[in-house]
Every structure is written in C-alpha cells, then in structure tokens.
C-alpha cells in the first residue's frame, strides 16, 4: 500500500466524522488536510519515514494513528449524549 492510501484509509477508521480532503506528497513528508463536522480544516505534516514504517510495523502505525487522530480531533465537534 502506498503512503497516500494508508493515510486516507486510517482517518475514517480513527475518526468516522472526519475525512481527508487533501494529501500533498513532498520530498520528506506528506501534508495532510482533514475536514470534519466543525466546518474548519486542520493540517498535519507527517514524515515519509513514519508513513513508510507504519506500513510494516504495528508500533509505527500507532504513532501515525496518534498524529492523525490529534489532527482529526481539531475538526470534529463532540456531540453531548444527554447524560449529565
């Protein structure tokens, strides 16, 4: 799997209300733009090495997921469930 596809497949898994709206492949990193329910966009630069490692290592994948999750959390509004 290439890095772009990996990133695009992980975001909906970790944040169902977020989606990747752009992935720019740069020499040393991927610039990822994520949209969600808040109407704003958030971006994160992920090193190519980290994405390549995430394709083969569970620990590296967890680090990539954590970076993408932090970005997605910025664009997804929490909806109260009514419990006080």
C-alpha atoms as a PDB file:
ATOM      1  CA  UNK A   1       0.000   0.000   0.000  1.00  0.00           C
ATOM      2  CA  UNK A   2       1.342   3.440  -0.765  1.00  0.00           C
ATOM      3  CA  UNK A   3       1.515   6.183   1.865  1.00  0.00           C
ATOM      4  CA  UNK A   4      -1.343   8.252   0.491  1.00  0.00           C
ATOM      5  CA  UNK A   5      -3.732   5.300   0.544  1.00  0.00           C
ATOM      6  CA  UNK A   6      -2.664   4.339   4.041  1.00  0.00           C
ATOM      7  CA  UNK A   7      -3.372   7.841   5.344  1.00  0.00           C
ATOM      8  CA  UNK A   8      -6.700   8.024   3.506  1.00  0.00           C
ATOM      9  CA  UNK A   9      -7.771   4.658   4.925  1.00  0.00           C
ATOM     10  CA  UNK A  10      -6.743   5.384   8.531  1.00  0.00           C
ATOM     11  CA  UNK A  11      -8.550   8.697   9.057  1.00  0.00           C
ATOM     12  CA  UNK A  12     -12.132   7.351   8.708  1.00  0.00           C
ATOM     13  CA  UNK A  13     -11.219   4.409  10.959  1.00  0.00           C
ATOM     14  CA  UNK A  14      -9.965   6.602  13.801  1.00  0.00           C
ATOM     15  CA  UNK A  15     -12.442   9.468  13.357  1.00  0.00           C
ATOM     16  CA  UNK A  16     -15.599   8.417  11.489  1.00  0.00           C
ATOM     17  CA  UNK A  17     -16.821  12.031  11.223  1.00  0.00           C
ATOM     18  CA  UNK A  18     -13.581  13.234   9.624  1.00  0.00           C
ATOM     19  CA  UNK A  19     -12.284  12.832   6.116  1.00  0.00           C
ATOM     20  CA  UNK A  20      -9.097  13.530   4.235  1.00  0.00           C
ATOM     21  CA  UNK A  21      -9.593  16.404   1.808  1.00  0.00           C
ATOM     22  CA  UNK A  22      -6.016  16.614   0.642  1.00  0.00           C
ATOM     23  CA  UNK A  23      -2.693  14.828   0.725  1.00  0.00           C
ATOM     24  CA  UNK A  24       0.303  16.584  -0.799  1.00  0.00           C
ATOM     25  CA  UNK A  25       3.344  14.411  -1.267  1.00  0.00           C
ATOM     26  CA  UNK A  26       6.500  16.359  -0.568  1.00  0.00           C
ATOM     27  CA  UNK A  27      10.106  15.247  -0.641  1.00  0.00           C
ATOM     28  CA  UNK A  28      10.329  14.472   3.079  1.00  0.00           C
ATOM     29  CA  UNK A  29       6.744  14.484   4.311  1.00  0.00           C
ATOM     30  CA  UNK A  30       3.080  14.239   3.492  1.00  0.00           C
ATOM     31  CA  UNK A  31       0.972  17.348   4.132  1.00  0.00           C
ATOM     32  CA  UNK A  32      -2.438  16.040   5.163  1.00  0.00           C
ATOM     33  CA  UNK A  33      -5.566  18.214   5.347  1.00  0.00           C
ATOM     34  CA  UNK A  34      -8.563  16.876   7.270  1.00  0.00           C
ATOM     35  CA  UNK A  35     -12.145  18.168   7.440  1.00  0.00           C
ATOM     36  CA  UNK A  36     -14.868  17.246   9.896  1.00  0.00           C
ATOM     37  CA  UNK A  37     -18.093  18.454  11.425  1.00  0.00           C
ATOM     38  CA  UNK A  38     -16.900  21.872  12.620  1.00  0.00           C
ATOM     39  CA  UNK A  39     -16.559  23.473   9.202  1.00  0.00           C
ATOM     40  CA  UNK A  40     -12.840  24.090   9.615  1.00  0.00           C
ATOM     41  CA  UNK A  41      -9.818  22.351   8.143  1.00  0.00           C
ATOM     42  CA  UNK A  42      -6.800  21.110  10.058  1.00  0.00           C
ATOM     43  CA  UNK A  43      -3.457  20.089   8.687  1.00  0.00           C
ATOM     44  CA  UNK A  44      -0.585  17.955   9.792  1.00  0.00           C
ATOM     45  CA  UNK A  45       2.774  17.161   8.212  1.00  0.00           C
ATOM     46  CA  UNK A  46       3.721  13.519   8.594  1.00  0.00           C
ATOM     47  CA  UNK A  47       7.297  12.429   7.791  1.00  0.00           C
ATOM     48  CA  UNK A  48       7.548   9.990   4.885  1.00  0.00           C
ATOM     49  CA  UNK A  49       9.713   7.696   7.037  1.00  0.00           C
ATOM     50  CA  UNK A  50       6.909   7.437   9.598  1.00  0.00           C
ATOM     51  CA  UNK A  51       4.328   6.560   6.957  1.00  0.00           C
ATOM     52  CA  UNK A  52       6.622   4.003   5.320  1.00  0.00           C
ATOM     53  CA  UNK A  53       7.364   2.416   8.714  1.00  0.00           C
ATOM     54  CA  UNK A  54       3.634   2.336   9.566  1.00  0.00           C
ATOM     55  CA  UNK A  55       3.037   0.037   6.607  1.00  0.00           C
ATOM     56  CA  UNK A  56       5.245  -2.618   8.234  1.00  0.00           C
ATOM     57  CA  UNK A  57       5.286  -2.064  11.999  1.00  0.00           C
ATOM     58  CA  UNK A  58       2.429  -2.021  14.481  1.00  0.00           C
ATOM     59  CA  UNK A  59       4.215   0.417  16.779  1.00  0.00           C
ATOM     60  CA  UNK A  60       4.959   2.845  13.936  1.00  0.00           C
ATOM     61  CA  UNK A  61       1.352   2.537  12.801  1.00  0.00           C
ATOM     62  CA  UNK A  62       0.159   3.501  16.295  1.00  0.00           C
ATOM     63  CA  UNK A  63       2.329   6.645  16.186  1.00  0.00           C
ATOM     64  CA  UNK A  64       0.905   7.591  12.781  1.00  0.00           C
ATOM     65  CA  UNK A  65      -2.635   6.970  14.017  1.00  0.00           C
ATOM     66  CA  UNK A  66      -1.972   9.189  17.059  1.00  0.00           C
ATOM     67  CA  UNK A  67      -0.758  12.075  14.865  1.00  0.00           C
ATOM     68  CA  UNK A  68      -3.735  11.789  12.522  1.00  0.00           C
ATOM     69  CA  UNK A  69      -6.153  11.471  15.468  1.00  0.00           C
ATOM     70  CA  UNK A  70      -4.857  14.679  17.077  1.00  0.00           C
ATOM     71  CA  UNK A  71      -5.457  16.494  13.800  1.00  0.00           C
ATOM     72  CA  UNK A  72      -8.924  14.964  13.321  1.00  0.00           C
ATOM     73  CA  UNK A  73      -9.894  15.898  16.885  1.00  0.00           C
ATOM     74  CA  UNK A  74      -9.452  19.551  15.906  1.00  0.00           C
ATOM     75  CA  UNK A  75     -12.164  19.336  13.218  1.00  0.00           C
ATOM     76  CA  UNK A  76     -14.775  17.050  14.762  1.00  0.00           C
ATOM     77  CA  UNK A  77     -17.217  18.532  17.263  1.00  0.00           C
ATOM     78  CA  UNK A  78     -18.164  16.423  20.242  1.00  0.00           C
ATOM     79  CA  UNK A  79     -21.884  15.917  20.485  1.00  0.00           C
ATOM     80  CA  UNK A  80     -23.186  15.590  24.031  1.00  0.00           C
ATOM     81  CA  UNK A  81     -25.030  12.366  24.633  1.00  0.00           C
ATOM     82  CA  UNK A  82     -27.505  13.855  27.113  1.00  0.00           C
ATOM     83  CA  UNK A  83     -26.035  12.217  30.189  1.00  0.00           C
ATOM     84  CA  UNK A  84     -25.174  14.598  32.950  1.00  0.00           C
END
